Amino acid sequence: MDQKNASTTTTCARCGTTRPGLPVTWTCSVENGRRVHFCDDCARKHLRSIESRLDSAWW
């Protein structure tokens, strides 16, 4: 694992769940030029909206 990833914490942009590093199973999106991450549960719940490329503000 990269040293940079080992010292960072990733936060879900939807529910606020945090995990150390960058979880492999989380979904990443770029909204308004900013990279946001979504945990497994939020990604599953909003899969159709994510695939439709809707901004998270709409779901």
PDB file of N, CA and C in Angstrom:
ATOM      1  N   MET A   1       0.840  -1.176   0.000  1.00  0.00           N
ATOM      2  CA  MET A   1       0.000   0.000   0.000  1.00  0.00           C
ATOM      3  C   MET A   1       0.886   1.240   0.000  1.00  0.00           C
ATOM      4  N   ASP A   2       0.475   2.227  -0.739  1.00  0.00           N
ATOM      5  CA  ASP A   2       1.194   3.487  -0.848  1.00  0.00           C
ATOM      6  C   ASP A   2       1.170   4.232   0.491  1.00  0.00           C
ATOM      7  N   GLN A   3       2.271   4.868   0.862  1.00  0.00           N
ATOM      8  CA  GLN A   3       2.345   5.612   2.125  1.00  0.00           C
ATOM      9  C   GLN A   3       1.289   6.706   2.196  1.00  0.00           C
ATOM     10  N   LYS A   4       1.032   7.377   1.087  1.00  0.00           N
ATOM     11  CA  LYS A   4       0.046   8.451   1.063  1.00  0.00           C
ATOM     12  C   LYS A   4      -1.336   7.932   1.431  1.00  0.00           C
ATOM     13  N   ASN A   5      -1.747   6.795   0.870  1.00  0.00           N
ATOM     14  CA  ASN A   5      -3.057   6.225   1.158  1.00  0.00           C
ATOM     15  C   ASN A   5      -3.162   5.704   2.582  1.00  0.00           C
ATOM     16  N   ALA A   6      -2.064   5.255   3.157  1.00  0.00           N
ATOM     17  CA  ALA A   6      -2.092   4.692   4.503  1.00  0.00           C
ATOM     18  C   ALA A   6      -2.370   5.764   5.551  1.00  0.00           C
ATOM     19  N   SER A   7      -2.004   7.009   5.290  1.00  0.00           N
ATOM     20  CA  SER A   7      -2.154   8.052   6.296  1.00  0.00           C
ATOM     21  C   SER A   7      -3.407   8.891   6.099  1.00  0.00           C
ATOM     22  N   THR A   8      -4.178   8.669   5.031  1.00  0.00           N
ATOM     23  CA  THR A   8      -5.371   9.464   4.787  1.00  0.00           C
ATOM     24  C   THR A   8      -6.624   8.735   5.240  1.00  0.00           C
ATOM     25  N   THR A   9      -7.671   9.503   5.423  1.00  0.00           N
ATOM     26  CA  THR A   9      -8.975   8.945   5.753  1.00  0.00           C
ATOM     27  C   THR A   9      -9.945   9.366   4.667  1.00  0.00           C
ATOM     28  N   THR A  10     -10.760   8.434   4.201  1.00  0.00           N
ATOM     29  CA  THR A  10     -11.748   8.725   3.170  1.00  0.00           C
ATOM     30  C   THR A  10     -13.114   8.809   3.824  1.00  0.00           C
ATOM     31  N   THR A  11     -13.888   9.815   3.450  1.00  0.00           N
ATOM     32  CA  THR A  11     -15.215  10.034   4.013  1.00  0.00           C
ATOM     33  C   THR A  11     -16.261   9.941   2.916  1.00  0.00           C
ATOM     34  N   CYS A  12     -17.337   9.220   3.183  1.00  0.00           N
ATOM     35  CA  CYS A  12     -18.442   9.110   2.238  1.00  0.00           C
ATOM     36  C   CYS A  12     -19.136  10.465   2.152  1.00  0.00           C
ATOM     37  N   ALA A  13     -19.308  10.966   0.931  1.00  0.00           N
ATOM     38  CA  ALA A  13     -19.932  12.267   0.715  1.00  0.00           C
ATOM     39  C   ALA A  13     -21.434  12.241   1.006  1.00  0.00           C
ATOM     40  N   ARG A  14     -22.016  11.073   1.096  1.00  0.00           N
ATOM     41  CA  ARG A  14     -23.458  10.965   1.322  1.00  0.00           C
ATOM     42  C   ARG A  14     -23.802  10.771   2.798  1.00  0.00           C
ATOM     43  N   CYS A  15     -23.189   9.797   3.462  1.00  0.00           N
ATOM     44  CA  CYS A  15     -23.581   9.460   4.838  1.00  0.00           C
ATOM     45  C   CYS A  15     -22.539   9.825   5.887  1.00  0.00           C
ATOM     46  N   GLY A  16     -21.316  10.144   5.450  1.00  0.00           N
ATOM     47  CA  GLY A  16     -20.279  10.554   6.388  1.00  0.00           C
ATOM     48  C   GLY A  16     -19.459   9.425   6.980  1.00  0.00           C
ATOM     49  N   THR A  17     -19.680   8.188   6.539  1.00  0.00           N
ATOM     50  CA  THR A  17     -18.881   7.055   7.003  1.00  0.00           C
ATOM     51  C   THR A  17     -17.417   7.297   6.655  1.00  0.00           C
ATOM     52  N   THR A  18     -16.509   6.969   7.557  1.00  0.00           N
ATOM     53  CA  THR A  18     -15.083   7.148   7.285  1.00  0.00           C
ATOM     54  C   THR A  18     -14.357   5.811   7.328  1.00  0.00           C
ATOM     55  N   ARG A  19     -13.319   5.697   6.514  1.00  0.00           N
ATOM     56  CA  ARG A  19     -12.465   4.511   6.488  1.00  0.00           C
ATOM     57  C   ARG A  19     -11.027   4.976   6.284  1.00  0.00           C
ATOM     58  N   PRO A  20     -10.074   4.257   6.869  1.00  0.00           N
ATOM     59  CA  PRO A  20      -8.660   4.611   6.646  1.00  0.00           C
ATOM     60  C   PRO A  20      -8.255   4.290   5.213  1.00  0.00           C
ATOM     61  N   GLY A  21      -7.399   5.106   4.653  1.00  0.00           N
ATOM     62  CA  GLY A  21      -6.915   4.870   3.295  1.00  0.00           C
ATOM     63  C   GLY A  21      -7.997   5.153   2.274  1.00  0.00           C
ATOM     64  N   LEU A  22      -7.885   4.507   1.140  1.00  0.00           N
ATOM     65  CA  LEU A  22      -8.865   4.640   0.063  1.00  0.00           C
ATOM     66  C   LEU A  22      -9.459   3.261  -0.195  1.00  0.00           C
ATOM     67  N   PRO A  23     -10.662   2.982   0.341  1.00  0.00           N
ATOM     68  CA  PRO A  23     -11.256   1.659   0.190  1.00  0.00           C
ATOM     69  C   PRO A  23     -11.467   1.302  -1.287  1.00  0.00           C
ATOM     70  N   VAL A  24     -11.061   0.119  -1.655  1.00  0.00           N
ATOM     71  CA  VAL A  24     -11.122  -0.338  -3.037  1.00  0.00           C
ATOM     72  C   VAL A  24     -12.561  -0.471  -3.524  1.00  0.00           C
ATOM     73  N   THR A  25     -13.483  -0.813  -2.646  1.00  0.00           N
ATOM     74  CA  THR A  25     -14.862  -1.081  -3.059  1.00  0.00           C
ATOM     75  C   THR A  25     -15.741   0.168  -3.093  1.00  0.00           C
ATOM     76  N   TRP A  26     -15.219   1.308  -2.697  1.00  0.00           N
ATOM     77  CA  TRP A  26     -16.006   2.538  -2.722  1.00  0.00           C
ATOM     78  C   TRP A  26     -16.056   3.108  -4.130  1.00  0.00           C
ATOM     79  N   THR A  27     -17.096   3.912  -4.414  1.00  0.00           N
ATOM     80  CA  THR A  27     -17.269   4.552  -5.708  1.00  0.00           C
ATOM     81  C   THR A  27     -16.735   5.975  -5.641  1.00  0.00           C
ATOM     82  N   CYS A  28     -16.077   6.387  -6.709  1.00  0.00           N
ATOM     83  CA  CYS A  28     -15.514   7.732  -6.790  1.00  0.00           C
ATOM     84  C   CYS A  28     -16.200   8.478  -7.924  1.00  0.00           C
ATOM     85  N   SER A  29     -16.490   9.756  -7.705  1.00  0.00           N
ATOM     86  CA  SER A  29     -17.118  10.581  -8.723  1.00  0.00           C
ATOM     87  C   SER A  29     -16.492  11.966  -8.683  1.00  0.00           C
ATOM     88  N   VAL A  30     -16.527  12.672  -9.798  1.00  0.00           N
ATOM     89  CA  VAL A  30     -16.061  14.051  -9.846  1.00  0.00           C
ATOM     90  C   VAL A  30     -17.279  14.931 -10.068  1.00  0.00           C
ATOM     91  N   GLU A  31     -17.552  15.796  -9.094  1.00  0.00           N
ATOM     92  CA  GLU A  31     -18.690  16.704  -9.167  1.00  0.00           C
ATOM     93  C   GLU A  31     -18.200  18.128  -8.976  1.00  0.00           C
ATOM     94  N   ASN A  32     -18.515  18.984  -9.923  1.00  0.00           N
ATOM     95  CA  ASN A  32     -18.086  20.385  -9.881  1.00  0.00           C
ATOM     96  C   ASN A  32     -16.580  20.508  -9.696  1.00  0.00           C
ATOM     97  N   GLY A  33     -15.835  19.623 -10.348  1.00  0.00           N
ATOM     98  CA  GLY A  33     -14.382  19.664 -10.283  1.00  0.00           C
ATOM     99  C   GLY A  33     -13.789  19.125  -8.997  1.00  0.00           C
ATOM    100  N   ARG A  34     -14.604  18.543  -8.136  1.00  0.00           N
ATOM    101  CA  ARG A  34     -14.139  18.013  -6.850  1.00  0.00           C
ATOM    102  C   ARG A  34     -14.388  16.509  -6.814  1.00  0.00           C
ATOM    103  N   ARG A  35     -13.391  15.760  -6.365  1.00  0.00           N
ATOM    104  CA  ARG A  35     -13.518  14.297  -6.264  1.00  0.00           C
ATOM    105  C   ARG A  35     -14.259  13.952  -4.967  1.00  0.00           C
ATOM    106  N   VAL A  36     -15.329  13.162  -5.097  1.00  0.00           N
ATOM    107  CA  VAL A  36     -16.103  12.720  -3.937  1.00  0.00           C
ATOM    108  C   VAL A  36     -16.163  11.198  -3.941  1.00  0.00           C
ATOM    109  N   HIS A  37     -16.282  10.613  -2.762  1.00  0.00           N
ATOM    110  CA  HIS A  37     -16.330   9.157  -2.620  1.00  0.00           C
ATOM    111  C   HIS A  37     -17.638   8.759  -1.947  1.00  0.00           C
ATOM    112  N   PHE A  38     -18.146   7.577  -2.322  1.00  0.00           N
ATOM    113  CA  PHE A  38     -19.370   7.040  -1.739  1.00  0.00           C
ATOM    114  C   PHE A  38     -19.104   5.623  -1.245  1.00  0.00           C
ATOM    115  N   CYS A  39     -19.553   5.324  -0.029  1.00  0.00           N
ATOM    116  CA  CYS A  39     -19.339   4.001   0.565  1.00  0.00           C
ATOM    117  C   CYS A  39     -20.165   2.949  -0.174  1.00  0.00           C
ATOM    118  N   ASP A  40     -19.923   1.693   0.142  1.00  0.00           N
ATOM    119  CA  ASP A  40     -20.623   0.575  -0.500  1.00  0.00           C
ATOM    120  C   ASP A  40     -22.138   0.708  -0.384  1.00  0.00           C
ATOM    121  N   ASP A  41     -22.625   0.993   0.820  1.00  0.00           N
ATOM    122  CA  ASP A  41     -24.071   1.069   1.053  1.00  0.00           C
ATOM    123  C   ASP A  41     -24.715   2.189   0.251  1.00  0.00           C
ATOM    124  N   CYS A  42     -24.124   3.374   0.270  1.00  0.00           N
ATOM    125  CA  CYS A  42     -24.685   4.508  -0.472  1.00  0.00           C
ATOM    126  C   CYS A  42     -24.608   4.259  -1.975  1.00  0.00           C
ATOM    127  N   ALA A  43     -23.510   3.677  -2.440  1.00  0.00           N
ATOM    128  CA  ALA A  43     -23.365   3.392  -3.864  1.00  0.00           C
ATOM    129  C   ALA A  43     -24.423   2.386  -4.323  1.00  0.00           C
ATOM    130  N   ARG A  44     -24.681   1.358  -3.531  1.00  0.00           N
ATOM    131  CA  ARG A  44     -25.703   0.373  -3.892  1.00  0.00           C
ATOM    132  C   ARG A  44     -27.084   1.013  -3.917  1.00  0.00           C
ATOM    133  N   LYS A  45     -27.372   1.824  -2.904  1.00  0.00           N
ATOM    134  CA  LYS A  45     -28.690   2.444  -2.776  1.00  0.00           C
ATOM    135  C   LYS A  45     -28.987   3.400  -3.932  1.00  0.00           C
ATOM    136  N   HIS A  46     -27.960   4.079  -4.424  1.00  0.00           N
ATOM    137  CA  HIS A  46     -28.161   5.111  -5.443  1.00  0.00           C
ATOM    138  C   HIS A  46     -27.501   4.752  -6.775  1.00  0.00           C
ATOM    139  N   LEU A  47     -27.371   3.470  -7.059  1.00  0.00           N
ATOM    140  CA  LEU A  47     -26.669   3.001  -8.244  1.00  0.00           C
ATOM    141  C   LEU A  47     -27.229   3.585  -9.540  1.00  0.00           C
ATOM    142  N   ARG A  48     -28.534   3.606  -9.697  1.00  0.00           N
ATOM    143  CA  ARG A  48     -29.130   4.123 -10.941  1.00  0.00           C
ATOM    144  C   ARG A  48     -28.821   5.603 -11.135  1.00  0.00           C
ATOM    145  N   SER A  49     -28.855   6.365 -10.070  1.00  0.00           N
ATOM    146  CA  SER A  49     -28.540   7.793 -10.164  1.00  0.00           C
ATOM    147  C   SER A  49     -27.077   8.007 -10.507  1.00  0.00           C
ATOM    148  N   ILE A  50     -26.201   7.196  -9.925  1.00  0.00           N
ATOM    149  CA  ILE A  50     -24.766   7.297 -10.203  1.00  0.00           C
ATOM    150  C   ILE A  50     -24.505   6.953 -11.664  1.00  0.00           C
ATOM    151  N   GLU A  51     -25.093   5.867 -12.150  1.00  0.00           N
ATOM    152  CA  GLU A  51     -24.899   5.457 -13.535  1.00  0.00           C
ATOM    153  C   GLU A  51     -25.496   6.467 -14.513  1.00  0.00           C
ATOM    154  N   SER A  52     -26.523   7.191 -14.091  1.00  0.00           N
ATOM    155  CA  SER A  52     -27.131   8.220 -14.939  1.00  0.00           C
ATOM    156  C   SER A  52     -26.345   9.524 -14.892  1.00  0.00           C
ATOM    157  N   ARG A  53     -25.290   9.539 -14.080  1.00  0.00           N
ATOM    158  CA  ARG A  53     -24.419  10.701 -13.931  1.00  0.00           C
ATOM    159  C   ARG A  53     -25.134  11.914 -13.352  1.00  0.00           C
ATOM    160  N   LEU A  54     -26.109  11.671 -12.479  1.00  0.00           N
ATOM    161  CA  LEU A  54     -26.767  12.774 -11.785  1.00  0.00           C
ATOM    162  C   LEU A  54     -25.873  13.240 -10.645  1.00  0.00           C
ATOM    163  N   ASP A  55     -25.797  14.541 -10.421  1.00  0.00           N
ATOM    164  CA  ASP A  55     -25.058  15.043  -9.257  1.00  0.00           C
ATOM    165  C   ASP A  55     -25.720  14.521  -8.004  1.00  0.00           C
ATOM    166  N   SER A  56     -24.934  14.288  -6.968  1.00  0.00           N
ATOM    167  CA  SER A  56     -25.479  13.714  -5.731  1.00  0.00           C
ATOM    168  C   SER A  56     -26.510  14.616  -5.077  1.00  0.00           C
ATOM    169  N   ALA A  57     -26.530  15.900  -5.396  1.00  0.00           N
ATOM    170  CA  ALA A  57     -27.548  16.800  -4.848  1.00  0.00           C
ATOM    171  C   ALA A  57     -28.955  16.406  -5.294  1.00  0.00           C
ATOM    172  N   TRP A  58     -29.061  15.709  -6.434  1.00  0.00           N
ATOM    173  CA  TRP A  58     -30.363  15.295  -6.963  1.00  0.00           C
ATOM    174  C   TRP A  58     -30.875  14.005  -6.351  1.00  0.00           C
ATOM    175  N   TRP A  59     -29.995  13.224  -5.696  1.00  0.00           N
ATOM    176  CA  TRP A  59     -30.449  11.982  -5.101  1.00  0.00           C
ATOM    177  C   TRP A  59     -30.183  11.997  -3.657  1.00  0.00           C
TER     178      TRP A  59
END
